[in-house]
Amino acid sequence: KPKPSAAVNVPKPVVIQNTPPSYPENARRNGWEGRVLVRVEVSADGRPISTAIAKSSGYGVLDQSALRAVKSWRFQPRTVAGIPTAGSVEVPVNFALNR
């Protein structure tokens, strides 16, 4: 009996196009850095349906900038038996100042 190909099922959506978030000026001035974990519901055509903070950076302005950026990203949707299907994934968005 042949084993199913690993390419047949993609368990989670995968980021294929992302625009980095803008670094809020007040966060930059204050030296705020952090990592935001964004939960994204992805449609079968690879577009974000909804976004939410899964884990905050601790700074609301960084969290909101991450949400705005991820809403414009594109994903390879998850597939079930080779058919694109809606699904969710958590993606990290890092904010780091170059010192």
Protein backbone atom coordinates (compact mmCIF):
# COMPACT_ATOMS: atom_id res chain seq x y z
CA LYS A 1 0.00 0.00 0.00
CA PRO A 2 1.61 3.33 -1.01
CA LYS A 3 2.16 5.93 1.69
CA PRO A 4 0.48 9.30 1.16
CA SER A 5 2.81 12.03 -0.01
CA ALA A 6 3.81 14.61 2.59
CA ALA A 7 2.97 17.30 0.03
CA VAL A 8 -0.69 16.22 0.01
CA ASN A 9 -1.35 17.67 3.47
CA VAL A 10 -0.06 21.01 4.71
CA PRO A 11 -1.14 21.06 8.36
CA LYS A 12 -0.95 24.84 8.87
CA PRO A 13 -0.97 27.91 6.67
CA VAL A 14 2.52 29.18 5.78
CA VAL A 15 3.54 32.83 5.29
CA ILE A 16 4.51 33.43 1.65
CA GLN A 17 4.44 37.24 1.50
CA ASN A 18 4.93 39.60 4.39
CA THR A 19 5.54 43.30 4.71
CA PRO A 20 7.42 44.19 7.88
CA PRO A 21 5.41 46.24 10.38
CA SER A 22 6.14 49.91 10.81
CA TYR A 23 8.04 50.62 14.02
CA PRO A 24 5.95 53.15 15.97
CA GLU A 25 7.94 56.35 16.51
CA ASN A 26 7.09 56.63 20.21
CA ALA A 27 8.22 53.01 20.75
CA ARG A 28 11.47 53.77 18.91
CA ARG A 29 12.07 56.93 21.02
CA ASN A 30 11.43 55.01 24.25
CA GLY A 31 13.62 52.07 23.21
CA TRP A 32 10.73 49.59 23.35
CA GLU A 33 11.38 46.20 21.78
CA GLY A 34 9.49 42.95 21.86
CA ARG A 35 7.95 39.99 20.15
CA VAL A 36 4.25 39.76 19.34
CA LEU A 37 2.66 36.41 18.62
CA VAL A 38 -0.29 36.93 16.26
CA ARG A 39 -2.97 34.27 15.74
CA VAL A 40 -4.25 34.40 12.16
CA GLU A 41 -7.30 32.71 10.68
CA VAL A 42 -6.40 32.14 7.03
CA SER A 43 -8.97 31.61 4.26
CA ALA A 44 -8.69 28.87 1.65
CA ASP A 45 -7.33 31.51 -0.78
CA GLY A 46 -4.51 32.48 1.61
CA ARG A 47 -5.85 35.78 2.91
CA PRO A 48 -6.16 36.61 6.61
CA ILE A 49 -9.79 36.41 7.77
CA SER A 50 -9.06 37.58 11.30
CA THR A 51 -6.10 38.40 13.51
CA ALA A 52 -5.70 38.45 17.28
CA ILE A 53 -2.90 38.80 19.79
CA ALA A 54 -1.89 35.35 21.07
CA LYS A 55 0.96 36.78 23.17
CA SER A 56 1.58 40.47 23.73
CA SER A 57 4.94 42.20 23.48
CA GLY A 58 3.96 44.13 26.58
CA TYR A 59 3.54 47.31 24.53
CA GLY A 60 0.15 48.07 23.00
CA VAL A 61 1.62 50.18 20.18
CA LEU A 62 3.86 47.29 19.06
CA ASP A 63 0.96 44.83 19.29
CA GLN A 64 -1.29 47.06 17.16
CA SER A 65 1.44 47.63 14.57
CA ALA A 66 1.95 43.86 14.31
CA LEU A 67 -1.80 43.27 13.81
CA ARG A 68 -1.97 45.91 11.06
CA ALA A 69 0.99 44.37 9.23
CA VAL A 70 -0.22 40.76 9.42
CA LYS A 71 -3.62 41.74 7.97
CA SER A 72 -1.82 42.51 4.68
CA TRP A 73 0.22 39.30 4.58
CA ARG A 74 -0.46 36.39 2.22
CA PHE A 75 -0.28 32.73 3.15
CA GLN A 76 -0.15 29.36 1.49
CA PRO A 77 -3.35 27.90 2.96
CA ARG A 78 -3.34 24.58 4.72
CA THR A 79 -4.40 21.69 2.53
CA VAL A 80 -6.38 18.59 3.29
CA ALA A 81 -6.07 15.82 0.69
CA GLY A 82 -4.53 18.43 -1.61
CA ILE A 83 -7.49 20.82 -1.31
CA PRO A 84 -6.83 24.35 0.05
CA THR A 85 -8.73 24.79 3.30
CA ALA A 86 -9.13 27.56 5.86
CA GLY A 87 -6.99 27.18 8.95
CA SER A 88 -5.15 29.06 11.67
CA VAL A 89 -1.53 29.68 12.51
CA GLU A 90 0.42 31.75 15.02
CA VAL A 91 3.14 33.96 13.56
CA PRO A 92 5.83 35.88 15.47
CA VAL A 93 6.44 39.55 14.72
CA ASN A 94 9.68 40.90 16.17
CA PHE A 95 10.46 44.52 16.97
CA ALA A 96 14.16 45.17 17.54
CA LEU A 97 16.06 48.45 17.42
CA ASN A 98 19.43 48.53 15.72
CA ARG A 99 21.74 49.87 18.39
